[in-house]
Amino acid sequence: MKIQKKFSKQMTMAFIPGIVVVIGLLLASGVYAAVILDKIPPAAPTALAGSANSSAKVTLTWAAAIDNVGVTAYQVYRNGLLVGTVATPGYVDTGLTQKSVYSYSVRAADAAGNISIPSNTITVQTPVAIVDNTAPTAPTALKGYVNSSTKITLAWTAATDNVGVDKYQVFRNSVLVGTSATPGYVDTGVTQRNHYTYSVKAVDAAGNVSPASNVIDMQTISTTSPGPEVFVQSQQVVTAVNGTTGSASIYWNTSPYNTASSSVAYGTAMNALNSKVAGSNNVSEQTVQLTGLSRNTTYYYQVTVTFQVPPPAPPAGVNVPPMVAPSISMPGPIMSFKVN
């Protein structure tokens, strides 16, 4: 049934009971323009379900509602009160109390402001909060790589935790400089030809902080020096004790350059590195073991590497006698470690 009224030559209103109102406006061109006012509410959302993810959080899901024009929003009710509005099916309710029962329902809304009847109602109980006082284990095997004069890349073995590691704190020269969600970090706050120490700690969601990882020493390269200066790409020292003596594993990386020879000089004073251990030849990455070290003693060490620099190629068509590649010996910075 349609009821039509003409209020003037310019306006005609047609009422279709329970459905829509159509307003016809006579334009200057003699054509009616119709404006449809939507009075039909969406259908109720269905299949509402929820689960308590923690003592303070509930996640809700439901099937999308339908509407003659289109659903624009969903209203989420907790214990009969509106607590949130979302555009798509799904909602995470936070800030709840442990070991509490909550009831939820959802209504759909369209652009005209029509609201559906409520969905099915569900109840969800939050669990008892777990008090976590256990700190993660310390990250291990921290290593670094000098990418350029202003960038150092760090990597380490992940820590473990009784609940889960939330993030890692990265310390440069004992000062917190950044955090990372994964076992790796790129430090761009460094400058050329400077010496830096790094360590890492793990943190869980409860805020418990692990002991520090091993400490590594890094030295950035110069922006003007030739390639072989990058020999101290990364270094790592791992100490161990066995009875009355200790040992240290010194690792370094000269990638992408292979060394012709290398050695580590060490001692208990910076100006007296009287002991020396030879490294491997023609490799870019290696580890040298220092043994028979005294416990509770600080040692200083210096890595020296020698590079064979290829001679320049002769001009095309010119025969020259074979040339011996010159060697460049490069001592690294003096660094330290302590045997406990």
C-alpha atoms as a PDB file:
ATOM      1  CA  MET A   1       0.000   0.000   0.000  1.00  0.00           C
ATOM      2  CA  LYS A   2       1.334   3.432  -0.897  1.00  0.00           C
ATOM      3  CA  ILE A   3      -0.102   6.723   0.360  1.00  0.00           C
ATOM      4  CA  GLN A   4       0.780   9.813  -1.663  1.00  0.00           C
ATOM      5  CA  LYS A   5       0.323  13.468  -0.744  1.00  0.00           C
ATOM      6  CA  LYS A   6       1.104  16.499  -2.879  1.00  0.00           C
ATOM      7  CA  PHE A   7       2.037  19.483  -0.743  1.00  0.00           C
ATOM      8  CA  SER A   8       2.809  21.766  -3.678  1.00  0.00           C
ATOM      9  CA  LYS A   9       3.712  21.580  -7.308  1.00  0.00           C
ATOM     10  CA  GLN A  10       7.331  21.171  -6.213  1.00  0.00           C
ATOM     11  CA  MET A  11       7.054  18.420  -3.527  1.00  0.00           C
ATOM     12  CA  THR A  12       5.376  15.034  -3.381  1.00  0.00           C
ATOM     13  CA  MET A  13       5.780  12.625  -0.408  1.00  0.00           C
ATOM     14  CA  ALA A  14       5.075   8.905  -0.750  1.00  0.00           C
ATOM     15  CA  PHE A  15       4.758   6.806   2.426  1.00  0.00           C
ATOM     16  CA  ILE A  16       5.339   3.066   2.188  1.00  0.00           C
ATOM     17  CA  PRO A  17       4.292   1.909   5.672  1.00  0.00           C
ATOM     18  CA  GLY A  18       7.007   0.151   7.693  1.00  0.00           C
ATOM     19  CA  ILE A  19       9.611   0.438   4.976  1.00  0.00           C
ATOM     20  CA  VAL A  20      10.779   3.767   3.617  1.00  0.00           C
ATOM     21  CA  VAL A  21       9.787   7.342   3.053  1.00  0.00           C
ATOM     22  CA  VAL A  22      10.316   8.698  -0.452  1.00  0.00           C
ATOM     23  CA  ILE A  23      10.436  12.445  -0.912  1.00  0.00           C
ATOM     24  CA  GLY A  24      10.083  13.698  -4.467  1.00  0.00           C
ATOM     25  CA  LEU A  25      11.371  17.186  -5.195  1.00  0.00           C
ATOM     26  CA  LEU A  26      10.393  18.835  -8.471  1.00  0.00           C
ATOM     27  CA  LEU A  27      13.523  20.385  -9.884  1.00  0.00           C
ATOM     28  CA  ALA A  28      13.615  23.408 -12.212  1.00  0.00           C
ATOM     29  CA  SER A  29      14.215  21.037 -15.107  1.00  0.00           C
ATOM     30  CA  GLY A  30      10.848  19.432 -14.440  1.00  0.00           C
ATOM     31  CA  VAL A  31      12.420  16.171 -13.119  1.00  0.00           C
ATOM     32  CA  TYR A  32      11.660  14.739  -9.667  1.00  0.00           C
ATOM     33  CA  ALA A  33      14.678  13.919  -7.441  1.00  0.00           C
ATOM     34  CA  ALA A  34      13.967  11.142  -4.937  1.00  0.00           C
ATOM     35  CA  VAL A  35      15.457  11.021  -1.419  1.00  0.00           C
ATOM     36  CA  ILE A  36      15.015   7.619   0.293  1.00  0.00           C
ATOM     37  CA  LEU A  37      14.972   7.616   4.066  1.00  0.00           C
ATOM     38  CA  ASP A  38      16.054   4.156   5.364  1.00  0.00           C
ATOM     39  CA  LYS A  39      13.931   2.952   8.265  1.00  0.00           C
ATOM     40  CA  ILE A  40      14.886  -0.750   8.188  1.00  0.00           C
ATOM     41  CA  PRO A  41      17.281  -1.900  10.985  1.00  0.00           C
ATOM     42  CA  PRO A  42      19.977  -4.518  10.285  1.00  0.00           C
ATOM     43  CA  ALA A  43      19.470  -8.130  11.283  1.00  0.00           C
ATOM     44  CA  ALA A  44      20.956  -9.116  14.620  1.00  0.00           C
ATOM     45  CA  PRO A  45      24.595 -10.356  14.640  1.00  0.00           C
ATOM     46  CA  THR A  46      24.808 -14.108  15.225  1.00  0.00           C
ATOM     47  CA  ALA A  47      27.191 -16.711  16.614  1.00  0.00           C
ATOM     48  CA  LEU A  48      28.702 -14.413  19.236  1.00  0.00           C
ATOM     49  CA  ALA A  49      31.570 -16.207  21.039  1.00  0.00           C
ATOM     50  CA  GLY A  50      34.285 -15.130  23.432  1.00  0.00           C
ATOM     51  CA  SER A  51      37.388 -16.330  25.225  1.00  0.00           C
ATOM     52  CA  ALA A  52      39.484 -14.946  28.073  1.00  0.00           C
ATOM     53  CA  ASN A  53      43.040 -14.461  26.798  1.00  0.00           C
ATOM     54  CA  SER A  54      44.312 -13.421  30.211  1.00  0.00           C
ATOM     55  CA  SER A  55      43.091 -12.231  33.584  1.00  0.00           C
ATOM     56  CA  ALA A  56      42.368  -8.798  32.081  1.00  0.00           C
ATOM     57  CA  LYS A  57      41.394  -9.428  28.458  1.00  0.00           C
ATOM     58  CA  VAL A  58      38.495 -11.064  26.549  1.00  0.00           C
ATOM     59  CA  THR A  59      38.379 -11.544  22.768  1.00  0.00           C
ATOM     60  CA  LEU A  60      34.947 -11.584  21.041  1.00  0.00           C
ATOM     61  CA  THR A  61      33.980 -12.865  17.587  1.00  0.00           C
ATOM     62  CA  TRP A  62      30.642 -12.999  15.734  1.00  0.00           C
ATOM     63  CA  ALA A  63      29.108 -13.482  12.302  1.00  0.00           C
ATOM     64  CA  ALA A  64      28.424 -10.348  10.277  1.00  0.00           C
ATOM     65  CA  ALA A  65      24.900  -8.920  10.249  1.00  0.00           C
ATOM     66  CA  ILE A  66      23.018  -8.062   7.042  1.00  0.00           C
ATOM     67  CA  ASP A  67      21.142  -4.900   6.130  1.00  0.00           C
ATOM     68  CA  ASN A  68      19.112  -3.664   3.168  1.00  0.00           C
ATOM     69  CA  VAL A  69      21.674  -0.890   2.617  1.00  0.00           C
ATOM     70  CA  GLY A  70      24.710  -1.959   4.629  1.00  0.00           C
ATOM     71  CA  VAL A  71      26.012  -2.372   8.176  1.00  0.00           C
ATOM     72  CA  THR A  72      28.378   0.427   9.210  1.00  0.00           C
ATOM     73  CA  ALA A  73      29.160  -0.421  12.847  1.00  0.00           C
ATOM     74  CA  TYR A  74      28.772  -2.929  15.658  1.00  0.00           C
ATOM     75  CA  GLN A  75      28.056  -1.889  19.223  1.00  0.00           C
ATOM     76  CA  VAL A  76      29.572  -4.114  21.943  1.00  0.00           C
ATOM     77  CA  TYR A  77      27.822  -4.338  25.316  1.00  0.00           C
ATOM     78  CA  ARG A  78      29.380  -5.666  28.498  1.00  0.00           C
ATOM     79  CA  ASN A  79      26.965  -6.343  31.367  1.00  0.00           C
ATOM     80  CA  GLY A  80      24.347  -4.296  29.485  1.00  0.00           C
ATOM     81  CA  LEU A  81      26.547  -1.209  29.020  1.00  0.00           C
ATOM     82  CA  LEU A  82      28.041  -0.025  25.725  1.00  0.00           C
ATOM     83  CA  VAL A  83      31.832  -0.428  25.946  1.00  0.00           C
ATOM     84  CA  GLY A  84      32.973  -0.134  22.331  1.00  0.00           C
ATOM     85  CA  THR A  85      32.096   0.291  18.666  1.00  0.00           C
ATOM     86  CA  VAL A  86      33.877  -1.395  15.770  1.00  0.00           C
ATOM     87  CA  ALA A  87      33.438  -1.391  11.996  1.00  0.00           C
ATOM     88  CA  THR A  88      33.989  -5.128  11.476  1.00  0.00           C
ATOM     89  CA  PRO A  89      33.074  -8.266  13.449  1.00  0.00           C
ATOM     90  CA  GLY A  90      35.513  -8.753  16.336  1.00  0.00           C
ATOM     91  CA  TYR A  91      36.459  -6.947  19.529  1.00  0.00           C
ATOM     92  CA  VAL A  92      39.102  -7.174  22.270  1.00  0.00           C
ATOM     93  CA  ASP A  93      37.882  -6.022  25.688  1.00  0.00           C
ATOM     94  CA  THR A  94      40.704  -5.018  28.037  1.00  0.00           C
ATOM     95  CA  GLY A  95      41.082  -3.622  31.528  1.00  0.00           C
ATOM     96  CA  LEU A  96      39.071  -6.420  33.123  1.00  0.00           C
ATOM     97  CA  THR A  97      39.373  -7.911  36.594  1.00  0.00           C
ATOM     98  CA  GLN A  98      40.732 -11.380  37.279  1.00  0.00           C
ATOM     99  CA  LYS A  99      38.370 -14.228  38.199  1.00  0.00           C
ATOM    100  CA  SER A 100      35.257 -12.248  37.173  1.00  0.00           C
ATOM    101  CA  VAL A 101      32.220 -13.176  35.058  1.00  0.00           C
ATOM    102  CA  TYR A 102      31.153 -10.825  32.262  1.00  0.00           C
ATOM    103  CA  SER A 103      28.148 -10.990  29.910  1.00  0.00           C
ATOM    104  CA  TYR A 104      28.396  -9.726  26.331  1.00  0.00           C
ATOM    105  CA  SER A 105      26.035  -8.940  23.451  1.00  0.00           C
ATOM    106  CA  VAL A 106      26.415  -7.079  20.158  1.00  0.00           C
ATOM    107  CA  ARG A 107      24.072  -4.911  18.051  1.00  0.00           C
ATOM    108  CA  ALA A 108      24.516  -3.876  14.407  1.00  0.00           C
ATOM    109  CA  ALA A 109      23.949  -0.318  13.138  1.00  0.00           C
ATOM    110  CA  ASP A 110      23.527   1.132   9.636  1.00  0.00           C
ATOM    111  CA  ALA A 111      24.319   4.553   8.200  1.00  0.00           C
ATOM    112  CA  ALA A 112      20.791   5.819   8.865  1.00  0.00           C
ATOM    113  CA  GLY A 113      21.170   5.109  12.578  1.00  0.00           C
ATOM    114  CA  ASN A 114      18.932   2.067  12.675  1.00  0.00           C
ATOM    115  CA  ILE A 115      19.991  -0.387  15.416  1.00  0.00           C
ATOM    116  CA  SER A 116      19.413  -4.131  15.339  1.00  0.00           C
ATOM    117  CA  ILE A 117      18.106  -6.241  18.158  1.00  0.00           C
ATOM    118  CA  PRO A 118      20.874  -7.777  20.326  1.00  0.00           C
ATOM    119  CA  SER A 119      22.817 -10.833  19.316  1.00  0.00           C
ATOM    120  CA  ASN A 120      22.876 -13.900  21.485  1.00  0.00           C
ATOM    121  CA  THR A 121      24.274 -13.190  24.968  1.00  0.00           C
ATOM    122  CA  ILE A 122      27.344 -15.013  26.257  1.00  0.00           C
ATOM    123  CA  THR A 123      29.212 -15.070  29.548  1.00  0.00           C
ATOM    124  CA  VAL A 124      32.993 -15.250  29.903  1.00  0.00           C
ATOM    125  CA  GLN A 125      35.010 -15.686  33.100  1.00  0.00           C
ATOM    126  CA  THR A 126      38.523 -14.289  33.374  1.00  0.00           C
ATOM    127  CA  PRO A 127      41.143 -16.531  35.025  1.00  0.00           C
ATOM    128  CA  VAL A 128      43.212 -15.796  38.094  1.00  0.00           C
ATOM    129  CA  ALA A 129      46.176 -13.580  37.293  1.00  0.00           C
ATOM    130  CA  ILE A 130      49.548 -15.336  37.215  1.00  0.00           C
ATOM    131  CA  VAL A 131      52.166 -13.525  39.264  1.00  0.00           C
ATOM    132  CA  ASP A 132      55.401 -13.765  37.310  1.00  0.00           C
ATOM    133  CA  ASN A 133      58.518 -13.010  39.321  1.00  0.00           C
ATOM    134  CA  THR A 134      60.899 -15.076  37.196  1.00  0.00           C
ATOM    135  CA  ALA A 135      63.317 -13.156  35.007  1.00  0.00           C
ATOM    136  CA  PRO A 136      64.354 -14.449  31.570  1.00  0.00           C
ATOM    137  CA  THR A 137      67.709 -16.087  31.077  1.00  0.00           C
ATOM    138  CA  ALA A 138      70.516 -13.894  29.797  1.00  0.00           C
ATOM    139  CA  PRO A 139      70.882 -13.615  26.009  1.00  0.00           C
ATOM    140  CA  THR A 140      73.987 -15.430  24.784  1.00  0.00           C
ATOM    141  CA  ALA A 141      76.513 -15.376  21.936  1.00  0.00           C
ATOM    142  CA  LEU A 142      76.231 -11.633  21.289  1.00  0.00           C
ATOM    143  CA  LYS A 143      78.120 -10.710  18.142  1.00  0.00           C
ATOM    144  CA  GLY A 144      78.462  -7.524  16.131  1.00  0.00           C
ATOM    145  CA  TYR A 145      79.292  -6.451  12.596  1.00  0.00           C
ATOM    146  CA  VAL A 146      80.585  -3.044  11.502  1.00  0.00           C
ATOM    147  CA  ASN A 147      78.533  -2.200   8.409  1.00  0.00           C
ATOM    148  CA  SER A 148      79.982   1.265   7.912  1.00  0.00           C
ATOM    149  CA  SER A 149      81.500   4.187   9.780  1.00  0.00           C
ATOM    150  CA  THR A 150      78.062   5.002  11.255  1.00  0.00           C
ATOM    151  CA  LYS A 151      76.325   1.628  11.591  1.00  0.00           C
ATOM    152  CA  ILE A 152      76.858  -1.521  13.680  1.00  0.00           C
ATOM    153  CA  THR A 153      74.609  -4.584  13.417  1.00  0.00           C
ATOM    154  CA  LEU A 154      74.175  -6.833  16.466  1.00  0.00           C
ATOM    155  CA  ALA A 155      72.839 -10.390  16.725  1.00  0.00           C
ATOM    156  CA  TRP A 156      72.496 -12.830  19.612  1.00  0.00           C
ATOM    157  CA  THR A 157      70.923 -16.114  20.692  1.00  0.00           C
ATOM    158  CA  ALA A 158      67.407 -15.705  22.081  1.00  0.00           C
ATOM    159  CA  ALA A 159      66.783 -15.812  25.820  1.00  0.00           C
ATOM    160  CA  THR A 160      64.179 -18.097  27.402  1.00  0.00           C
ATOM    161  CA  ASP A 161      61.468 -17.310  29.967  1.00  0.00           C
ATOM    162  CA  ASN A 162      58.810 -19.237  31.905  1.00  0.00           C
ATOM    163  CA  VAL A 163      56.082 -17.155  30.204  1.00  0.00           C
ATOM    164  CA  GLY A 164      57.792 -15.522  27.261  1.00  0.00           C
ATOM    165  CA  VAL A 165      60.363 -12.875  26.363  1.00  0.00           C
ATOM    166  CA  ASP A 166      58.681  -9.582  25.463  1.00  0.00           C
ATOM    167  CA  LYS A 167      61.672  -7.552  24.249  1.00  0.00           C
ATOM    168  CA  TYR A 168      65.422  -7.045  24.432  1.00  0.00           C
ATOM    169  CA  GLN A 169      67.240  -3.988  25.767  1.00  0.00           C
ATOM    170  CA  VAL A 170      70.438  -2.985  23.944  1.00  0.00           C
ATOM    171  CA  PHE A 171      73.173  -1.170  25.854  1.00  0.00           C
ATOM    172  CA  ARG A 172      76.001   0.782  24.234  1.00  0.00           C
ATOM    173  CA  ASN A 173      78.798   1.761  26.630  1.00  0.00           C
ATOM    174  CA  SER A 174      76.468   0.692  29.500  1.00  0.00           C
ATOM    175  CA  VAL A 175      73.720   3.120  28.381  1.00  0.00           C
ATOM    176  CA  LEU A 176      70.343   1.874  27.059  1.00  0.00           C
ATOM    177  CA  VAL A 177      70.132   2.911  23.398  1.00  0.00           C
ATOM    178  CA  GLY A 178      67.238   0.850  22.064  1.00  0.00           C
ATOM    179  CA  THR A 179      64.940  -2.158  22.295  1.00  0.00           C
ATOM    180  CA  SER A 180      64.100  -4.972  19.907  1.00  0.00           C
ATOM    181  CA  ALA A 181      61.367  -7.607  19.833  1.00  0.00           C
ATOM    182  CA  THR A 182      63.698 -10.096  18.127  1.00  0.00           C
ATOM    183  CA  PRO A 183      67.352 -11.140  18.680  1.00  0.00           C
ATOM    184  CA  GLY A 184      68.956  -8.438  16.559  1.00  0.00           C
ATOM    185  CA  TYR A 185      69.522  -4.685  16.470  1.00  0.00           C
ATOM    186  CA  VAL A 186      71.026  -2.085  14.132  1.00  0.00           C
ATOM    187  CA  ASP A 187      72.765   0.802  15.890  1.00  0.00           C
ATOM    188  CA  THR A 188      73.061   3.920  13.739  1.00  0.00           C
ATOM    189  CA  GLY A 189      74.023   6.269  16.564  1.00  0.00           C
ATOM    190  CA  VAL A 190      77.776   5.674  16.209  1.00  0.00           C
ATOM    191  CA  THR A 191      80.518   7.719  14.572  1.00  0.00           C
ATOM    192  CA  GLN A 192      83.660   6.790  12.641  1.00  0.00           C
ATOM    193  CA  ARG A 193      86.836   5.488  14.272  1.00  0.00           C
ATOM    194  CA  ASN A 194      85.313   5.126  17.737  1.00  0.00           C
ATOM    195  CA  HIS A 195      85.349   2.259  20.217  1.00  0.00           C
ATOM    196  CA  TYR A 196      82.038   0.941  21.623  1.00  0.00           C
ATOM    197  CA  THR A 197      81.012  -1.834  24.000  1.00  0.00           C
ATOM    198  CA  TYR A 198      77.661  -3.601  23.755  1.00  0.00           C
ATOM    199  CA  SER A 199      75.527  -5.882  25.928  1.00  0.00           C
ATOM    200  CA  VAL A 200      71.908  -7.042  25.814  1.00  0.00           C
ATOM    201  CA  LYS A 201      69.255  -7.885  28.422  1.00  0.00           C
ATOM    202  CA  ALA A 202      65.934  -9.719  27.977  1.00  0.00           C
ATOM    203  CA  VAL A 203      62.657  -8.439  29.456  1.00  0.00           C
ATOM    204  CA  ASP A 204      59.353 -10.331  29.889  1.00  0.00           C
ATOM    205  CA  ALA A 205      55.798  -8.918  29.883  1.00  0.00           C
ATOM    206  CA  ALA A 206      55.824  -8.632  33.683  1.00  0.00           C
ATOM    207  CA  GLY A 207      58.855  -6.343  33.534  1.00  0.00           C
ATOM    208  CA  ASN A 208      61.375  -8.869  34.847  1.00  0.00           C
ATOM    209  CA  VAL A 209      64.849  -8.161  33.445  1.00  0.00           C
ATOM    210  CA  SER A 210      67.492 -10.798  32.781  1.00  0.00           C
ATOM    211  CA  PRO A 211      71.201 -10.602  33.588  1.00  0.00           C
ATOM    212  CA  ALA A 212      73.306  -9.015  30.859  1.00  0.00           C
ATOM    213  CA  SER A 213      74.674 -10.974  27.948  1.00  0.00           C
ATOM    214  CA  ASN A 214      78.375 -11.197  27.206  1.00  0.00           C
ATOM    215  CA  VAL A 215      79.980  -7.834  26.431  1.00  0.00           C
ATOM    216  CA  ILE A 216      81.556  -7.213  23.027  1.00  0.00           C
ATOM    217  CA  ASP A 217      83.906  -4.464  21.868  1.00  0.00           C
ATOM    218  CA  MET A 218      83.453  -2.844  18.478  1.00  0.00           C
ATOM    219  CA  GLN A 219      85.371  -0.178  16.585  1.00  0.00           C
ATOM    220  CA  THR A 220      83.854   1.714  13.670  1.00  0.00           C
ATOM    221  CA  ILE A 221      85.871   2.252  10.516  1.00  0.00           C
ATOM    222  CA  SER A 222      86.983   5.482   8.878  1.00  0.00           C
ATOM    223  CA  THR A 223      85.013   7.019   6.023  1.00  0.00           C
ATOM    224  CA  THR A 224      88.229   7.735   4.108  1.00  0.00           C
ATOM    225  CA  SER A 225      90.485   4.708   4.741  1.00  0.00           C
ATOM    226  CA  PRO A 226      90.797   1.862   2.188  1.00  0.00           C
ATOM    227  CA  GLY A 227      88.786  -1.320   2.542  1.00  0.00           C
ATOM    228  CA  PRO A 228      91.175  -3.479   4.623  1.00  0.00           C
ATOM    229  CA  GLU A 229      90.743  -1.174   7.625  1.00  0.00           C
ATOM    230  CA  VAL A 230      87.428  -2.947   8.284  1.00  0.00           C
ATOM    231  CA  PHE A 231      89.311  -5.883   9.808  1.00  0.00           C
ATOM    232  CA  VAL A 232      87.725  -5.391  13.239  1.00  0.00           C
ATOM    233  CA  GLN A 233      84.268  -6.085  11.863  1.00  0.00           C
ATOM    234  CA  SER A 234      83.297  -7.900  15.024  1.00  0.00           C
ATOM    235  CA  GLN A 235      84.832  -9.339  18.145  1.00  0.00           C
ATOM    236  CA  GLN A 236      83.528 -11.505  20.944  1.00  0.00           C
ATOM    237  CA  VAL A 237      85.143 -12.871  24.105  1.00  0.00           C
ATOM    238  CA  VAL A 238      83.749 -15.859  26.006  1.00  0.00           C
ATOM    239  CA  THR A 239      85.546 -16.789  29.218  1.00  0.00           C
ATOM    240  CA  ALA A 240      85.401 -20.021  31.206  1.00  0.00           C
ATOM    241  CA  VAL A 241      86.967 -21.338  34.393  1.00  0.00           C
ATOM    242  CA  ASN A 242      88.261 -24.789  35.168  1.00  0.00           C
ATOM    243  CA  GLY A 243      89.578 -25.277  38.670  1.00  0.00           C
ATOM    244  CA  THR A 244      92.293 -22.755  39.434  1.00  0.00           C
ATOM    245  CA  THR A 245      92.730 -21.445  35.866  1.00  0.00           C
ATOM    246  CA  GLY A 246      90.536 -19.930  33.180  1.00  0.00           C
ATOM    247  CA  SER A 247      90.376 -19.609  29.422  1.00  0.00           C
ATOM    248  CA  ALA A 248      89.048 -17.156  26.853  1.00  0.00           C
ATOM    249  CA  SER A 249      87.778 -17.644  23.304  1.00  0.00           C
ATOM    250  CA  ILE A 250      88.440 -14.568  21.183  1.00  0.00           C
ATOM    251  CA  TYR A 251      86.450 -14.376  17.970  1.00  0.00           C
ATOM    252  CA  TRP A 252      86.820 -11.843  15.187  1.00  0.00           C
ATOM    253  CA  ASN A 253      85.552 -11.298  11.681  1.00  0.00           C
ATOM    254  CA  THR A 254      87.246  -9.453   8.820  1.00  0.00           C
ATOM    255  CA  SER A 255      84.564 -10.196   6.204  1.00  0.00           C
ATOM    256  CA  PRO A 256      84.582  -9.605   3.303  1.00  0.00           C
ATOM    257  CA  TYR A 257      88.391  -9.551   3.453  1.00  0.00           C
ATOM    258  CA  ASN A 258      90.556 -12.624   4.062  1.00  0.00           C
ATOM    259  CA  THR A 259      93.672 -12.180   6.169  1.00  0.00           C
ATOM    260  CA  ALA A 260      97.090 -13.386   5.106  1.00  0.00           C
ATOM    261  CA  SER A 261      97.967 -13.935   8.767  1.00  0.00           C
ATOM    262  CA  SER A 262      96.726 -12.925  12.207  1.00  0.00           C
ATOM    263  CA  SER A 263      97.630 -13.083  15.886  1.00  0.00           C
ATOM    264  CA  VAL A 264      96.404 -12.115  19.355  1.00  0.00           C
ATOM    265  CA  ALA A 265      98.763 -10.460  21.847  1.00  0.00           C
ATOM    266  CA  TYR A 266      97.608 -10.375  25.462  1.00  0.00           C
ATOM    267  CA  GLY A 267      98.689  -9.649  29.004  1.00  0.00           C
ATOM    268  CA  THR A 268      97.608  -8.235  32.355  1.00  0.00           C
ATOM    269  CA  ALA A 269      98.707  -4.675  31.538  1.00  0.00           C
ATOM    270  CA  MET A 270      97.819  -2.530  28.526  1.00  0.00           C
ATOM    271  CA  ASN A 271     101.456  -1.654  27.904  1.00  0.00           C
ATOM    272  CA  ALA A 272     102.742  -5.196  28.339  1.00  0.00           C
ATOM    273  CA  LEU A 273     100.992  -7.565  25.907  1.00  0.00           C
ATOM    274  CA  ASN A 274     103.829 -10.068  26.135  1.00  0.00           C
ATOM    275  CA  SER A 275     101.984 -13.301  25.268  1.00  0.00           C
ATOM    276  CA  LYS A 276     100.947 -14.084  21.707  1.00  0.00           C
ATOM    277  CA  VAL A 277      98.832 -16.719  19.960  1.00  0.00           C
ATOM    278  CA  ALA A 278      98.807 -17.094  16.174  1.00  0.00           C
ATOM    279  CA  GLY A 279      95.548 -17.226  14.277  1.00  0.00           C
ATOM    280  CA  SER A 280      94.644 -18.908  11.022  1.00  0.00           C
ATOM    281  CA  ASN A 281      95.687 -17.681   7.589  1.00  0.00           C
ATOM    282  CA  ASN A 282      93.570 -16.895   4.533  1.00  0.00           C
ATOM    283  CA  VAL A 283      90.264 -16.755   6.398  1.00  0.00           C
ATOM    284  CA  SER A 284      87.871 -13.928   7.269  1.00  0.00           C
ATOM    285  CA  GLU A 285      86.369 -15.374  10.457  1.00  0.00           C
ATOM    286  CA  GLN A 286      88.071 -17.267  13.256  1.00  0.00           C
ATOM    287  CA  THR A 287      88.329 -17.988  16.973  1.00  0.00           C
ATOM    288  CA  VAL A 288      91.541 -18.190  19.035  1.00  0.00           C
ATOM    289  CA  GLN A 289      91.740 -19.881  22.451  1.00  0.00           C
ATOM    290  CA  LEU A 290      93.719 -18.377  25.305  1.00  0.00           C
ATOM    291  CA  THR A 291      94.346 -20.889  28.104  1.00  0.00           C
ATOM    292  CA  GLY A 292      96.045 -21.035  31.489  1.00  0.00           C
ATOM    293  CA  LEU A 293      94.653 -17.653  32.561  1.00  0.00           C
ATOM    294  CA  SER A 294      94.552 -16.570  36.207  1.00  0.00           C
ATOM    295  CA  ARG A 295      91.155 -16.307  37.826  1.00  0.00           C
ATOM    296  CA  ASN A 296      89.758 -12.981  39.085  1.00  0.00           C
ATOM    297  CA  THR A 297      92.131 -11.195  36.720  1.00  0.00           C
ATOM    298  CA  THR A 298      91.595  -8.607  33.988  1.00  0.00           C
ATOM    299  CA  TYR A 299      93.427  -9.227  30.724  1.00  0.00           C
ATOM    300  CA  TYR A 300      94.095  -6.886  27.841  1.00  0.00           C
ATOM    301  CA  TYR A 301      94.405  -8.095  24.275  1.00  0.00           C
ATOM    302  CA  GLN A 302      95.011  -6.829  20.747  1.00  0.00           C
ATOM    303  CA  VAL A 303      94.208  -8.540  17.446  1.00  0.00           C
ATOM    304  CA  THR A 304      96.633  -7.878  14.592  1.00  0.00           C
ATOM    305  CA  VAL A 305      95.933  -8.997  11.036  1.00  0.00           C
ATOM    306  CA  THR A 306      97.949  -8.797   7.835  1.00  0.00           C
ATOM    307  CA  PHE A 307      96.359  -8.316   4.422  1.00  0.00           C
ATOM    308  CA  GLN A 308      97.873  -9.094   1.052  1.00  0.00           C
ATOM    309  CA  VAL A 309      96.997  -6.157  -1.192  1.00  0.00           C
ATOM    310  CA  PRO A 310      96.732  -7.201  -4.866  1.00  0.00           C
ATOM    311  CA  PRO A 311      99.056  -5.184  -7.151  1.00  0.00           C
ATOM    312  CA  PRO A 312      97.395  -2.938  -9.726  1.00  0.00           C
ATOM    313  CA  ALA A 313      96.639  -4.531 -13.087  1.00  0.00           C
ATOM    314  CA  PRO A 314      98.952  -3.412 -15.913  1.00  0.00           C
ATOM    315  CA  PRO A 315      97.518  -1.510 -18.883  1.00  0.00           C
ATOM    316  CA  ALA A 316      96.011  -3.634 -21.610  1.00  0.00           C
ATOM    317  CA  GLY A 317      98.634  -5.047 -23.977  1.00  0.00           C
ATOM    318  CA  VAL A 318     101.552  -4.243 -21.694  1.00  0.00           C
ATOM    319  CA  ASN A 319     103.691  -7.127 -20.433  1.00  0.00           C
ATOM    320  CA  VAL A 320     105.230  -6.583 -17.000  1.00  0.00           C
ATOM    321  CA  PRO A 321     107.140  -9.010 -14.777  1.00  0.00           C
ATOM    322  CA  PRO A 322     105.149 -10.627 -11.927  1.00  0.00           C
ATOM    323  CA  MET A 323     104.767  -8.380  -8.904  1.00  0.00           C
ATOM    324  CA  VAL A 324     104.722  -9.515  -5.300  1.00  0.00           C
ATOM    325  CA  ALA A 325     101.601  -8.386  -3.507  1.00  0.00           C
ATOM    326  CA  PRO A 326     102.552  -6.006  -0.689  1.00  0.00           C
ATOM    327  CA  SER A 327     101.408  -6.735   2.853  1.00  0.00           C
ATOM    328  CA  ILE A 328      99.595  -4.355   5.165  1.00  0.00           C
ATOM    329  CA  SER A 329      99.710  -5.149   8.872  1.00  0.00           C
ATOM    330  CA  MET A 330      96.919  -3.643  10.938  1.00  0.00           C
ATOM    331  CA  PRO A 331      96.761  -3.785  14.739  1.00  0.00           C
ATOM    332  CA  GLY A 332      93.326  -3.445  16.240  1.00  0.00           C
ATOM    333  CA  PRO A 333      92.309  -1.538  19.364  1.00  0.00           C
ATOM    334  CA  ILE A 334      93.423  -2.819  22.763  1.00  0.00           C
ATOM    335  CA  MET A 335      90.439  -4.376  24.509  1.00  0.00           C
ATOM    336  CA  SER A 336      89.896  -6.192  27.787  1.00  0.00           C
ATOM    337  CA  PHE A 337      88.056  -9.029  29.512  1.00  0.00           C
ATOM    338  CA  LYS A 338      87.981 -10.474  33.014  1.00  0.00           C
ATOM    339  CA  VAL A 339      88.228 -14.126  34.036  1.00  0.00           C
ATOM    340  CA  ASN A 340      86.012 -14.667  37.083  1.00  0.00           C
END
